[in-house]
Amino acid sequence: MANSKPKVTLSAAISLDGKIGQKNKQIVLSSKSDKIRVHKLRAKSDAILVGKNTVQQDDPLLTVRYAKGKNPIRIILDSHGAIKNDSRIIKTCKRVSTIIVVSELVSKSNLNRLQKLPLDVIVCGKNQVNITKLLSILSKNGIKTILLEGGGTLNRSFLKKNLIDEMIIALTPYILGSKNTIGLFEGMSFPELKLKLPLKLKKVQKSDNEIILNYKF
């Protein structure tokens, strides 16, 4: 497996109660210093990967801005190819390498629309994107390291399939509670998660009011 897929590093900022955000609301947990750290990670990665929910809710650029370095290839998982033309990802795809990954459920109109844009489209999976197959495709195309900045659902999918090699988690001084919030691995029950343990704590770093935890599998 190590030779057939890129190294996947999950990067996330979480609250003290393990939440990464609120549903249908954009929340910034990271401090300015932590953003610099994350952007340095981006600059060292071949690609950055997120799902359609992150794009829809946050409308991110997924570029390197708070540090020096190259922009990683942006990979968006969007089974139906429904990403809007006015999203910042699409608006900047001419100058920042971008891959949109769709499933066979994508409509002809969406597929044709995306294929006319200055980006790459990969069809991978029947009813949803097959992430295991996708990682193999990306590896064959020279992508060796991926920074996973997904939401809770995408993180869960990668964890359940044993596709995460490392996790770098910023523990922030906030409490979001349980109502309308999103966990780091949304929907993951303890019996499932227990199968993935134990992780190995490789490094602990204090950064202003945050603690950075580096775990490896």
N, C-alpha and C. Protein backbone atom coordinates (compact mmCIF):
# COMPACT_ATOMS: atom_id res chain seq x y z
N MET A 1 0.83 -1.21 0.00
CA MET A 1 0.00 0.00 0.00
C MET A 1 0.86 1.25 0.00
N ALA A 2 1.97 1.22 0.74
CA ALA A 2 2.80 2.41 0.86
C ALA A 2 3.33 2.86 -0.50
N ASN A 3 3.57 1.87 -1.43
CA ASN A 3 4.13 2.22 -2.73
C ASN A 3 3.05 2.51 -3.76
N SER A 4 1.79 2.22 -3.45
CA SER A 4 0.72 2.39 -4.44
C SER A 4 -0.12 3.62 -4.19
N LYS A 5 0.16 4.36 -3.13
CA LYS A 5 -0.60 5.57 -2.87
C LYS A 5 0.31 6.64 -2.28
N PRO A 6 -0.09 7.90 -2.42
CA PRO A 6 0.69 8.97 -1.80
C PRO A 6 0.57 8.90 -0.28
N LYS A 7 1.51 9.56 0.39
CA LYS A 7 1.39 9.72 1.84
C LYS A 7 0.28 10.74 2.10
N VAL A 8 -0.66 10.38 2.97
CA VAL A 8 -1.78 11.26 3.29
C VAL A 8 -1.64 11.78 4.71
N THR A 9 -1.57 13.09 4.85
CA THR A 9 -1.49 13.73 6.16
C THR A 9 -2.75 14.53 6.40
N LEU A 10 -3.48 14.14 7.43
CA LEU A 10 -4.69 14.87 7.80
C LEU A 10 -4.30 16.09 8.63
N SER A 11 -4.75 17.26 8.22
CA SER A 11 -4.49 18.50 8.95
C SER A 11 -5.81 19.12 9.36
N ALA A 12 -5.93 19.44 10.65
CA ALA A 12 -7.19 20.02 11.13
C ALA A 12 -6.96 20.82 12.40
N ALA A 13 -7.85 21.77 12.62
CA ALA A 13 -7.91 22.49 13.89
C ALA A 13 -9.20 22.09 14.57
N ILE A 14 -9.11 21.72 15.85
CA ILE A 14 -10.30 21.27 16.57
C ILE A 14 -10.47 22.07 17.86
N SER A 15 -11.71 22.10 18.33
CA SER A 15 -12.00 22.72 19.61
C SER A 15 -11.61 21.77 20.73
N LEU A 16 -11.68 22.22 21.96
CA LEU A 16 -11.35 21.36 23.10
C LEU A 16 -12.28 20.17 23.19
N ASP A 17 -13.49 20.31 22.65
CA ASP A 17 -14.42 19.18 22.69
C ASP A 17 -14.47 18.44 21.35
N GLY A 18 -13.41 18.56 20.57
CA GLY A 18 -13.24 17.72 19.39
C GLY A 18 -14.04 18.09 18.17
N LYS A 19 -14.47 19.33 18.07
CA LYS A 19 -15.26 19.76 16.92
C LYS A 19 -14.40 20.58 15.95
N ILE A 20 -14.73 20.46 14.67
CA ILE A 20 -13.97 21.23 13.67
C ILE A 20 -14.80 22.37 13.09
N GLY A 21 -16.07 22.44 13.44
CA GLY A 21 -16.89 23.53 12.93
C GLY A 21 -18.36 23.36 13.24
N GLN A 22 -19.16 24.26 12.71
CA GLN A 22 -20.60 24.20 12.85
C GLN A 22 -21.24 23.99 11.49
N LYS A 23 -22.35 23.30 11.47
CA LYS A 23 -23.04 23.03 10.21
C LYS A 23 -23.61 24.32 9.63
N ASN A 24 -23.40 24.50 8.34
CA ASN A 24 -23.93 25.65 7.59
C ASN A 24 -23.45 26.99 8.12
N LYS A 25 -22.27 26.99 8.76
CA LYS A 25 -21.72 28.24 9.27
C LYS A 25 -20.20 28.15 9.25
N GLN A 26 -19.58 29.18 8.72
CA GLN A 26 -18.11 29.19 8.65
C GLN A 26 -17.53 29.69 9.96
N ILE A 27 -16.67 28.88 10.56
CA ILE A 27 -16.02 29.23 11.83
C ILE A 27 -14.51 29.06 11.66
N VAL A 28 -13.76 30.04 12.10
CA VAL A 28 -12.31 29.97 12.04
C VAL A 28 -11.77 29.69 13.44
N LEU A 29 -11.19 28.52 13.61
CA LEU A 29 -10.62 28.13 14.91
C LEU A 29 -9.15 28.50 15.01
N SER A 30 -8.44 28.48 13.90
CA SER A 30 -7.00 28.68 13.91
C SER A 30 -6.62 30.15 14.11
N SER A 31 -5.55 30.36 14.85
CA SER A 31 -4.99 31.69 15.01
C SER A 31 -4.14 32.03 13.80
N LYS A 32 -3.66 33.27 13.74
CA LYS A 32 -2.81 33.69 12.62
C LYS A 32 -1.52 32.86 12.59
N SER A 33 -0.92 32.62 13.74
CA SER A 33 0.31 31.83 13.77
C SER A 33 0.08 30.40 13.30
N ASP A 34 -1.10 29.84 13.61
CA ASP A 34 -1.38 28.49 13.17
C ASP A 34 -1.65 28.44 11.67
N LYS A 35 -2.24 29.50 11.14
CA LYS A 35 -2.44 29.57 9.69
C LYS A 35 -1.09 29.55 8.97
N ILE A 36 -0.12 30.25 9.54
CA ILE A 36 1.23 30.24 8.95
C ILE A 36 1.79 28.83 8.93
N ARG A 37 1.61 28.11 10.06
CA ARG A 37 2.09 26.72 10.15
C ARG A 37 1.42 25.84 9.09
N VAL A 38 0.11 26.00 8.95
CA VAL A 38 -0.63 25.18 7.99
C VAL A 38 -0.21 25.51 6.56
N HIS A 39 0.00 26.77 6.28
CA HIS A 39 0.38 27.15 4.92
C HIS A 39 1.80 26.67 4.59
N LYS A 40 2.65 26.55 5.59
CA LYS A 40 3.96 25.94 5.38
C LYS A 40 3.80 24.46 5.03
N LEU A 41 2.85 23.80 5.68
CA LEU A 41 2.55 22.41 5.36
C LEU A 41 2.06 22.28 3.92
N ARG A 42 1.18 23.21 3.53
CA ARG A 42 0.67 23.19 2.16
C ARG A 42 1.81 23.30 1.15
N ALA A 43 2.74 24.22 1.44
CA ALA A 43 3.85 24.47 0.51
C ALA A 43 4.75 23.25 0.35
N LYS A 44 4.76 22.38 1.36
CA LYS A 44 5.60 21.18 1.31
C LYS A 44 4.87 19.99 0.70
N SER A 45 3.59 20.15 0.42
CA SER A 45 2.77 19.04 -0.09
C SER A 45 2.60 19.13 -1.60
N ASP A 46 2.53 17.98 -2.24
CA ASP A 46 2.27 17.97 -3.68
C ASP A 46 0.84 18.38 -3.98
N ALA A 47 -0.08 18.01 -3.10
CA ALA A 47 -1.49 18.29 -3.35
C ALA A 47 -2.23 18.51 -2.05
N ILE A 48 -3.35 19.21 -2.15
CA ILE A 48 -4.26 19.41 -1.01
C ILE A 48 -5.62 18.91 -1.44
N LEU A 49 -6.29 18.16 -0.57
CA LEU A 49 -7.54 17.50 -0.95
C LEU A 49 -8.66 17.85 0.01
N VAL A 50 -9.81 18.23 -0.56
CA VAL A 50 -11.01 18.51 0.22
C VAL A 50 -12.22 17.95 -0.51
N GLY A 51 -13.37 17.96 0.17
CA GLY A 51 -14.61 17.51 -0.45
C GLY A 51 -15.50 18.67 -0.85
N LYS A 52 -16.60 18.34 -1.49
CA LYS A 52 -17.51 19.37 -2.00
C LYS A 52 -18.13 20.19 -0.87
N ASN A 53 -18.37 19.58 0.30
CA ASN A 53 -18.99 20.32 1.39
C ASN A 53 -18.10 21.47 1.87
N THR A 54 -16.80 21.22 1.93
CA THR A 54 -15.87 22.28 2.33
C THR A 54 -15.90 23.43 1.33
N VAL A 55 -15.95 23.09 0.05
CA VAL A 55 -16.00 24.12 -0.99
C VAL A 55 -17.29 24.91 -0.92
N GLN A 56 -18.39 24.22 -0.73
CA GLN A 56 -19.69 24.89 -0.68
C GLN A 56 -19.82 25.80 0.54
N GLN A 57 -19.33 25.36 1.67
CA GLN A 57 -19.52 26.13 2.90
C GLN A 57 -18.49 27.22 3.08
N ASP A 58 -17.21 26.92 2.78
CA ASP A 58 -16.14 27.87 3.09
C ASP A 58 -15.65 28.66 1.87
N ASP A 59 -15.92 28.16 0.66
CA ASP A 59 -15.43 28.78 -0.57
C ASP A 59 -13.93 29.10 -0.44
N PRO A 60 -13.11 28.10 -0.15
CA PRO A 60 -11.68 28.34 0.11
C PRO A 60 -10.88 28.52 -1.17
N LEU A 61 -9.68 29.08 -1.02
CA LEU A 61 -8.74 29.16 -2.13
C LEU A 61 -7.80 27.96 -2.17
N LEU A 62 -7.46 27.45 -0.98
CA LEU A 62 -6.56 26.30 -0.85
C LEU A 62 -5.19 26.58 -1.47
N THR A 63 -4.69 27.79 -1.27
CA THR A 63 -3.39 28.18 -1.78
C THR A 63 -2.46 28.52 -0.62
N VAL A 64 -1.21 28.82 -0.94
CA VAL A 64 -0.22 29.22 0.06
C VAL A 64 -0.16 30.74 0.07
N ARG A 65 -0.58 31.34 1.19
CA ARG A 65 -0.62 32.80 1.26
C ARG A 65 0.09 33.34 2.51
N TYR A 66 0.10 32.57 3.60
CA TYR A 66 0.69 33.04 4.85
C TYR A 66 2.14 32.57 5.01
N ALA A 67 2.68 31.98 3.97
CA ALA A 67 4.06 31.51 4.00
C ALA A 67 4.60 31.53 2.58
N LYS A 68 5.90 31.37 2.44
CA LYS A 68 6.52 31.32 1.12
C LYS A 68 6.50 29.88 0.62
N GLY A 69 6.34 29.73 -0.68
CA GLY A 69 6.37 28.39 -1.25
C GLY A 69 5.36 28.24 -2.37
N LYS A 70 5.42 27.08 -3.01
CA LYS A 70 4.54 26.82 -4.14
C LYS A 70 3.13 26.42 -3.68
N ASN A 71 2.18 26.68 -4.55
CA ASN A 71 0.82 26.20 -4.30
C ASN A 71 0.74 24.71 -4.60
N PRO A 72 0.11 23.93 -3.73
CA PRO A 72 -0.10 22.52 -4.05
C PRO A 72 -1.18 22.38 -5.11
N ILE A 73 -1.22 21.24 -5.76
CA ILE A 73 -2.33 20.94 -6.67
C ILE A 73 -3.60 20.81 -5.82
N ARG A 74 -4.66 21.45 -6.24
CA ARG A 74 -5.91 21.38 -5.48
C ARG A 74 -6.78 20.25 -6.04
N ILE A 75 -7.19 19.35 -5.16
CA ILE A 75 -8.02 18.21 -5.55
C ILE A 75 -9.36 18.32 -4.83
N ILE A 76 -10.44 18.41 -5.60
CA ILE A 76 -11.78 18.55 -5.04
C ILE A 76 -12.58 17.30 -5.36
N LEU A 77 -13.10 16.63 -4.35
CA LEU A 77 -13.97 15.47 -4.57
C LEU A 77 -15.41 15.95 -4.66
N ASP A 78 -16.02 15.77 -5.80
CA ASP A 78 -17.37 16.28 -6.06
C ASP A 78 -18.08 15.29 -6.98
N SER A 79 -18.73 14.30 -6.39
CA SER A 79 -19.30 13.19 -7.15
C SER A 79 -20.17 13.63 -8.32
N HIS A 80 -20.96 14.67 -8.13
CA HIS A 80 -21.89 15.13 -9.17
C HIS A 80 -21.31 16.27 -10.02
N GLY A 81 -20.10 16.70 -9.71
CA GLY A 81 -19.50 17.78 -10.47
C GLY A 81 -20.29 19.07 -10.39
N ALA A 82 -20.84 19.33 -9.21
CA ALA A 82 -21.75 20.46 -9.06
C ALA A 82 -21.07 21.75 -8.60
N ILE A 83 -19.75 21.75 -8.49
CA ILE A 83 -19.04 22.95 -8.06
C ILE A 83 -19.43 24.12 -8.96
N LYS A 84 -19.70 25.27 -8.35
CA LYS A 84 -20.21 26.41 -9.10
C LYS A 84 -19.09 27.18 -9.79
N ASN A 85 -19.42 27.76 -10.92
CA ASN A 85 -18.44 28.53 -11.68
C ASN A 85 -17.97 29.78 -10.95
N ASP A 86 -18.77 30.26 -9.99
CA ASP A 86 -18.37 31.47 -9.27
C ASP A 86 -17.60 31.16 -7.99
N SER A 87 -17.27 29.89 -7.76
CA SER A 87 -16.46 29.54 -6.60
C SER A 87 -15.04 30.03 -6.83
N ARG A 88 -14.33 30.29 -5.75
CA ARG A 88 -12.96 30.80 -5.88
C ARG A 88 -12.03 29.74 -6.47
N ILE A 89 -12.36 28.47 -6.26
CA ILE A 89 -11.57 27.40 -6.85
C ILE A 89 -11.62 27.49 -8.37
N ILE A 90 -12.82 27.62 -8.92
CA ILE A 90 -12.98 27.70 -10.37
C ILE A 90 -12.41 28.99 -10.92
N LYS A 91 -12.63 30.08 -10.21
CA LYS A 91 -12.15 31.39 -10.69
C LYS A 91 -10.62 31.46 -10.79
N THR A 92 -9.94 30.63 -9.99
CA THR A 92 -8.47 30.69 -9.97
C THR A 92 -7.81 29.47 -10.60
N CYS A 93 -8.59 28.59 -11.23
CA CYS A 93 -8.01 27.34 -11.72
C CYS A 93 -7.07 27.54 -12.92
N LYS A 94 -7.12 28.71 -13.53
CA LYS A 94 -6.22 28.98 -14.65
C LYS A 94 -4.78 29.16 -14.17
N ARG A 95 -4.63 29.69 -12.94
CA ARG A 95 -3.28 29.93 -12.43
C ARG A 95 -2.85 28.96 -11.34
N VAL A 96 -3.80 28.19 -10.78
CA VAL A 96 -3.47 27.20 -9.75
C VAL A 96 -3.95 25.84 -10.23
N SER A 97 -3.04 24.88 -10.34
CA SER A 97 -3.40 23.54 -10.84
C SER A 97 -4.53 22.94 -10.00
N THR A 98 -5.55 22.48 -10.68
CA THR A 98 -6.76 22.00 -10.00
C THR A 98 -7.27 20.73 -10.64
N ILE A 99 -7.68 19.79 -9.80
CA ILE A 99 -8.30 18.54 -10.26
C ILE A 99 -9.67 18.42 -9.61
N ILE A 100 -10.70 18.21 -10.41
CA ILE A 100 -12.04 17.91 -9.90
C ILE A 100 -12.30 16.43 -10.12
N VAL A 101 -12.61 15.71 -9.05
CA VAL A 101 -12.85 14.28 -9.15
C VAL A 101 -14.34 14.02 -9.02
N VAL A 102 -14.91 13.38 -10.03
CA VAL A 102 -16.34 13.10 -10.06
C VAL A 102 -16.57 11.59 -10.12
N SER A 103 -17.80 11.19 -9.89
CA SER A 103 -18.17 9.78 -10.04
C SER A 103 -18.94 9.63 -11.36
N GLU A 104 -19.34 8.41 -11.65
CA GLU A 104 -20.09 8.16 -12.87
C GLU A 104 -21.51 8.73 -12.80
N LEU A 105 -21.90 9.25 -11.64
CA LEU A 105 -23.21 9.89 -11.50
C LEU A 105 -23.22 11.31 -12.04
N VAL A 106 -22.08 11.84 -12.39
CA VAL A 106 -22.02 13.21 -12.89
C VAL A 106 -22.88 13.36 -14.14
N SER A 107 -23.62 14.45 -14.22
CA SER A 107 -24.46 14.69 -15.39
C SER A 107 -23.59 15.09 -16.58
N LYS A 108 -24.09 14.86 -17.77
CA LYS A 108 -23.34 15.23 -18.98
C LYS A 108 -23.08 16.73 -19.02
N SER A 109 -24.06 17.49 -18.59
CA SER A 109 -23.92 18.95 -18.63
C SER A 109 -22.81 19.41 -17.69
N ASN A 110 -22.77 18.86 -16.48
CA ASN A 110 -21.72 19.23 -15.54
C ASN A 110 -20.35 18.77 -16.02
N LEU A 111 -20.29 17.55 -16.57
CA LEU A 111 -19.02 17.03 -17.06
C LEU A 111 -18.50 17.88 -18.21
N ASN A 112 -19.38 18.23 -19.15
CA ASN A 112 -18.98 19.06 -20.28
C ASN A 112 -18.53 20.44 -19.81
N ARG A 113 -19.24 20.98 -18.82
CA ARG A 113 -18.89 22.30 -18.30
C ARG A 113 -17.50 22.29 -17.68
N LEU A 114 -17.22 21.27 -16.87
CA LEU A 114 -15.93 21.18 -16.21
C LEU A 114 -14.79 20.92 -17.20
N GLN A 115 -15.06 20.11 -18.21
CA GLN A 115 -14.02 19.77 -19.17
C GLN A 115 -13.62 20.95 -20.05
N LYS A 116 -14.45 21.97 -20.09
CA LYS A 116 -14.14 23.17 -20.86
C LYS A 116 -13.27 24.15 -20.07
N LEU A 117 -13.13 23.89 -18.78
CA LEU A 117 -12.36 24.78 -17.91
C LEU A 117 -10.89 24.37 -17.89
N PRO A 118 -9.98 25.29 -17.52
CA PRO A 118 -8.54 24.98 -17.46
C PRO A 118 -8.18 24.19 -16.21
N LEU A 119 -8.74 23.00 -16.10
CA LEU A 119 -8.47 22.10 -14.98
C LEU A 119 -8.57 20.67 -15.47
N ASP A 120 -8.19 19.73 -14.62
CA ASP A 120 -8.28 18.31 -14.97
C ASP A 120 -9.49 17.68 -14.29
N VAL A 121 -10.18 16.82 -15.01
CA VAL A 121 -11.33 16.10 -14.47
C VAL A 121 -11.01 14.61 -14.45
N ILE A 122 -11.20 13.99 -13.30
CA ILE A 122 -11.01 12.55 -13.17
C ILE A 122 -12.35 11.92 -12.81
N VAL A 123 -12.79 10.94 -13.59
CA VAL A 123 -13.99 10.17 -13.27
C VAL A 123 -13.54 8.91 -12.55
N CYS A 124 -13.97 8.75 -11.31
CA CYS A 124 -13.45 7.65 -10.49
C CYS A 124 -14.52 7.17 -9.50
N GLY A 125 -15.13 6.03 -9.77
CA GLY A 125 -16.16 5.51 -8.88
C GLY A 125 -17.54 5.57 -9.51
N LYS A 126 -18.40 4.65 -9.12
CA LYS A 126 -19.74 4.59 -9.70
C LYS A 126 -20.71 5.56 -9.04
N ASN A 127 -21.08 5.29 -7.79
CA ASN A 127 -22.07 6.12 -7.10
C ASN A 127 -21.44 7.23 -6.28
N GLN A 128 -20.17 7.09 -6.00
CA GLN A 128 -19.41 8.12 -5.29
C GLN A 128 -17.94 7.95 -5.66
N VAL A 129 -17.15 8.94 -5.33
CA VAL A 129 -15.73 8.86 -5.66
C VAL A 129 -15.08 7.71 -4.90
N ASN A 130 -14.38 6.87 -5.61
CA ASN A 130 -13.64 5.76 -5.01
C ASN A 130 -12.27 6.28 -4.59
N ILE A 131 -12.11 6.61 -3.31
CA ILE A 131 -10.89 7.29 -2.87
C ILE A 131 -9.67 6.37 -2.90
N THR A 132 -9.86 5.08 -2.70
CA THR A 132 -8.73 4.15 -2.77
C THR A 132 -8.18 4.10 -4.18
N LYS A 133 -9.07 3.98 -5.15
CA LYS A 133 -8.66 3.97 -6.55
C LYS A 133 -8.06 5.31 -6.96
N LEU A 134 -8.65 6.38 -6.44
CA LEU A 134 -8.16 7.72 -6.77
C LEU A 134 -6.72 7.90 -6.32
N LEU A 135 -6.41 7.47 -5.10
CA LEU A 135 -5.04 7.63 -4.59
C LEU A 135 -4.04 6.88 -5.46
N SER A 136 -4.44 5.74 -5.98
CA SER A 136 -3.58 4.97 -6.88
C SER A 136 -3.34 5.75 -8.17
N ILE A 137 -4.39 6.36 -8.69
CA ILE A 137 -4.28 7.17 -9.92
C ILE A 137 -3.35 8.35 -9.68
N LEU A 138 -3.54 9.03 -8.56
CA LEU A 138 -2.72 10.20 -8.25
C LEU A 138 -1.25 9.82 -8.09
N SER A 139 -1.00 8.66 -7.47
CA SER A 139 0.36 8.19 -7.29
C SER A 139 1.04 7.94 -8.64
N LYS A 140 0.29 7.34 -9.57
CA LYS A 140 0.83 7.07 -10.90
C LYS A 140 1.12 8.36 -11.66
N ASN A 141 0.46 9.45 -11.25
CA ASN A 141 0.66 10.74 -11.90
C ASN A 141 1.68 11.60 -11.16
N GLY A 142 2.44 10.97 -10.26
CA GLY A 142 3.56 11.65 -9.63
C GLY A 142 3.26 12.40 -8.35
N ILE A 143 2.06 12.28 -7.83
CA ILE A 143 1.71 12.94 -6.57
C ILE A 143 2.10 12.01 -5.42
N LYS A 144 3.06 12.47 -4.61
CA LYS A 144 3.60 11.63 -3.54
C LYS A 144 3.08 11.99 -2.16
N THR A 145 2.68 13.25 -1.96
CA THR A 145 2.20 13.68 -0.65
C THR A 145 0.92 14.49 -0.79
N ILE A 146 -0.06 14.17 0.04
CA ILE A 146 -1.35 14.86 0.02
C ILE A 146 -1.68 15.37 1.40
N LEU A 147 -2.10 16.62 1.48
CA LEU A 147 -2.58 17.20 2.72
C LEU A 147 -4.10 17.15 2.69
N LEU A 148 -4.67 16.37 3.59
CA LEU A 148 -6.12 16.22 3.66
C LEU A 148 -6.68 17.26 4.61
N GLU A 149 -7.42 18.23 4.07
CA GLU A 149 -8.05 19.26 4.88
C GLU A 149 -9.56 19.15 4.76
N GLY A 150 -10.04 17.94 4.87
CA GLY A 150 -11.45 17.67 4.64
C GLY A 150 -12.33 17.99 5.83
N GLY A 151 -13.62 17.88 5.59
CA GLY A 151 -14.58 17.96 6.67
C GLY A 151 -14.69 16.62 7.37
N GLY A 152 -15.58 16.55 8.36
CA GLY A 152 -15.69 15.34 9.17
C GLY A 152 -16.07 14.10 8.39
N THR A 153 -16.94 14.23 7.39
CA THR A 153 -17.38 13.07 6.62
C THR A 153 -16.26 12.52 5.76
N LEU A 154 -15.52 13.40 5.10
CA LEU A 154 -14.41 12.96 4.27
C LEU A 154 -13.29 12.36 5.12
N ASN A 155 -13.00 13.00 6.26
CA ASN A 155 -11.99 12.46 7.17
C ASN A 155 -12.35 11.05 7.61
N ARG A 156 -13.63 10.85 7.92
CA ARG A 156 -14.10 9.53 8.34
C ARG A 156 -13.88 8.49 7.24
N SER A 157 -14.18 8.87 6.00
CA SER A 157 -14.02 7.94 4.88
C SER A 157 -12.58 7.49 4.73
N PHE A 158 -11.65 8.44 4.86
CA PHE A 158 -10.23 8.10 4.75
C PHE A 158 -9.78 7.23 5.92
N LEU A 159 -10.26 7.53 7.13
CA LEU A 159 -9.87 6.76 8.30
C LEU A 159 -10.38 5.34 8.23
N LYS A 160 -11.63 5.16 7.83
CA LYS A 160 -12.22 3.82 7.78
C LYS A 160 -11.51 2.92 6.78
N LYS A 161 -10.93 3.52 5.75
CA LYS A 161 -10.25 2.74 4.73
C LYS A 161 -8.73 2.66 4.97
N ASN A 162 -8.30 3.12 6.16
CA ASN A 162 -6.88 3.06 6.52
C ASN A 162 -5.99 3.80 5.53
N LEU A 163 -6.44 4.95 5.09
CA LEU A 163 -5.70 5.70 4.07
C LEU A 163 -4.94 6.89 4.64
N ILE A 164 -5.03 7.11 5.95
CA ILE A 164 -4.33 8.22 6.58
C ILE A 164 -3.02 7.71 7.19
N ASP A 165 -1.93 8.38 6.88
CA ASP A 165 -0.62 7.99 7.40
C ASP A 165 -0.20 8.82 8.61
N GLU A 166 -0.68 10.05 8.67
CA GLU A 166 -0.25 10.97 9.71
C GLU A 166 -1.37 11.97 9.99
N MET A 167 -1.47 12.41 11.24
CA MET A 167 -2.44 13.44 11.59
C MET A 167 -1.73 14.56 12.34
N ILE A 168 -1.94 15.78 11.89
CA ILE A 168 -1.40 16.95 12.58
C ILE A 168 -2.59 17.80 13.01
N ILE A 169 -2.84 17.80 14.30
CA ILE A 169 -4.06 18.40 14.85
C ILE A 169 -3.72 19.58 15.75
N ALA A 170 -4.32 20.72 15.48
CA ALA A 170 -4.16 21.89 16.34
C ALA A 170 -5.32 21.94 17.32
N LEU A 171 -5.01 21.82 18.60
CA LEU A 171 -6.02 21.89 19.65
C LEU A 171 -6.19 23.35 20.06
N THR A 172 -7.36 23.90 19.81
CA THR A 172 -7.59 25.33 20.01
C THR A 172 -8.43 25.59 21.26
N PRO A 173 -8.33 26.78 21.85
CA PRO A 173 -9.00 27.08 23.13
C PRO A 173 -10.46 27.49 22.97
N TYR A 174 -11.23 26.65 22.28
CA TYR A 174 -12.65 26.94 22.09
C TYR A 174 -13.49 25.73 22.46
N ILE A 175 -14.74 25.97 22.81
CA ILE A 175 -15.70 24.90 23.05
C ILE A 175 -16.93 25.20 22.22
N LEU A 176 -17.29 24.28 21.32
CA LEU A 176 -18.41 24.52 20.41
C LEU A 176 -19.69 23.79 20.82
N GLY A 177 -19.57 22.84 21.73
CA GLY A 177 -20.77 22.10 22.14
C GLY A 177 -21.16 21.05 21.11
N SER A 178 -22.35 20.49 21.28
CA SER A 178 -22.77 19.38 20.42
C SER A 178 -23.85 19.76 19.41
N LYS A 179 -24.54 20.85 19.61
CA LYS A 179 -25.65 21.22 18.73
C LYS A 179 -25.14 21.80 17.41
N ASN A 180 -25.55 21.16 16.30
CA ASN A 180 -25.19 21.61 14.95
C ASN A 180 -23.69 21.74 14.73
N THR A 181 -22.92 20.89 15.39
CA THR A 181 -21.47 20.94 15.21
C THR A 181 -20.99 19.70 14.44
N ILE A 182 -19.75 19.77 13.97
CA ILE A 182 -19.17 18.71 13.16
C ILE A 182 -17.93 18.18 13.85
N GLY A 183 -17.87 16.86 14.02
CA GLY A 183 -16.71 16.24 14.64
C GLY A 183 -15.58 16.03 13.65
N LEU A 184 -14.39 15.79 14.16
CA LEU A 184 -13.23 15.56 13.31
C LEU A 184 -13.47 14.37 12.39
N PHE A 185 -14.12 13.33 12.92
CA PHE A 185 -14.52 12.16 12.12
C PHE A 185 -16.02 12.01 12.28
N GLU A 186 -16.77 12.75 11.52
CA GLU A 186 -18.22 12.83 11.69
C GLU A 186 -18.88 11.48 11.48
N GLY A 187 -19.68 11.08 12.48
CA GLY A 187 -20.44 9.85 12.37
C GLY A 187 -19.68 8.59 12.76
N MET A 188 -18.43 8.72 13.15
CA MET A 188 -17.63 7.56 13.52
C MET A 188 -17.97 7.13 14.94
N SER A 189 -18.38 5.88 15.09
CA SER A 189 -18.68 5.37 16.42
C SER A 189 -17.43 4.79 17.05
N PHE A 190 -17.45 4.66 18.37
CA PHE A 190 -16.26 4.18 19.09
C PHE A 190 -15.82 2.78 18.67
N PRO A 191 -16.75 1.81 18.49
CA PRO A 191 -16.28 0.47 18.09
C PRO A 191 -15.50 0.50 16.78
N GLU A 192 -15.90 1.36 15.84
CA GLU A 192 -15.17 1.46 14.57
C GLU A 192 -13.81 2.11 14.79
N LEU A 193 -13.81 3.20 15.56
CA LEU A 193 -12.58 3.95 15.79
C LEU A 193 -11.56 3.12 16.55
N LYS A 194 -12.03 2.28 17.46
CA LYS A 194 -11.14 1.48 18.29
C LYS A 194 -10.24 0.59 17.44
N LEU A 195 -10.73 0.18 16.28
CA LEU A 195 -9.96 -0.70 15.42
C LEU A 195 -8.75 0.00 14.84
N LYS A 196 -8.76 1.34 14.86
CA LYS A 196 -7.67 2.09 14.23
C LYS A 196 -6.56 2.44 15.23
N LEU A 197 -6.80 2.19 16.50
CA LEU A 197 -5.84 2.59 17.53
C LEU A 197 -4.87 1.44 17.82
N PRO A 198 -3.71 1.71 18.43
CA PRO A 198 -3.31 3.02 18.93
C PRO A 198 -2.51 3.81 17.90
N LEU A 199 -2.63 5.10 17.96
CA LEU A 199 -1.77 5.98 17.17
C LEU A 199 -0.50 6.25 17.97
N LYS A 200 0.53 6.66 17.27
CA LYS A 200 1.80 6.96 17.95
C LYS A 200 2.01 8.46 17.96
N LEU A 201 2.12 9.02 19.15
CA LEU A 201 2.36 10.45 19.29
C LEU A 201 3.84 10.73 19.03
N LYS A 202 4.10 11.46 17.96
CA LYS A 202 5.48 11.72 17.54
C LYS A 202 6.00 13.07 18.02
N LYS A 203 5.08 14.03 18.17
CA LYS A 203 5.55 15.37 18.51
C LYS A 203 4.42 16.18 19.13
N VAL A 204 4.76 17.00 20.12
CA VAL A 204 3.82 17.94 20.74
C VAL A 204 4.48 19.32 20.72
N GLN A 205 3.75 20.29 20.25
CA GLN A 205 4.31 21.64 20.13
C GLN A 205 3.31 22.67 20.63
N LYS A 206 3.78 23.61 21.43
CA LYS A 206 2.93 24.70 21.89
C LYS A 206 3.12 25.90 20.96
N SER A 207 2.02 26.45 20.50
CA SER A 207 2.07 27.61 19.61
C SER A 207 1.05 28.63 20.09
N ASP A 208 1.54 29.68 20.76
CA ASP A 208 0.65 30.68 21.36
C ASP A 208 -0.35 29.98 22.28
N ASN A 209 -1.63 30.06 21.94
CA ASN A 209 -2.68 29.50 22.79
C ASN A 209 -3.13 28.12 22.33
N GLU A 210 -2.36 27.50 21.46
CA GLU A 210 -2.75 26.23 20.87
C GLU A 210 -1.68 25.17 21.10
N ILE A 211 -2.10 23.93 21.01
CA ILE A 211 -1.17 22.80 21.10
C ILE A 211 -1.27 22.01 19.81
N ILE A 212 -0.13 21.74 19.18
CA ILE A 212 -0.10 20.99 17.94
C ILE A 212 0.30 19.55 18.24
N LEU A 213 -0.57 18.63 17.90
CA LEU A 213 -0.33 17.21 18.14
C LEU A 213 -0.03 16.51 16.82
N ASN A 214 1.06 15.76 16.79
CA ASN A 214 1.44 15.06 15.57
C ASN A 214 1.41 13.55 15.85
N TYR A 215 0.44 12.88 15.24
CA TYR A 215 0.29 11.43 15.40
C TYR A 215 0.60 10.71 14.10
N LYS A 216 1.20 9.52 14.22
CA LYS A 216 1.42 8.68 13.06
C LYS A 216 0.83 7.30 13.29
N PHE A 217 0.40 6.65 12.23
CA PHE A 217 -0.19 5.33 12.34
C PHE A 217 0.89 4.26 12.25
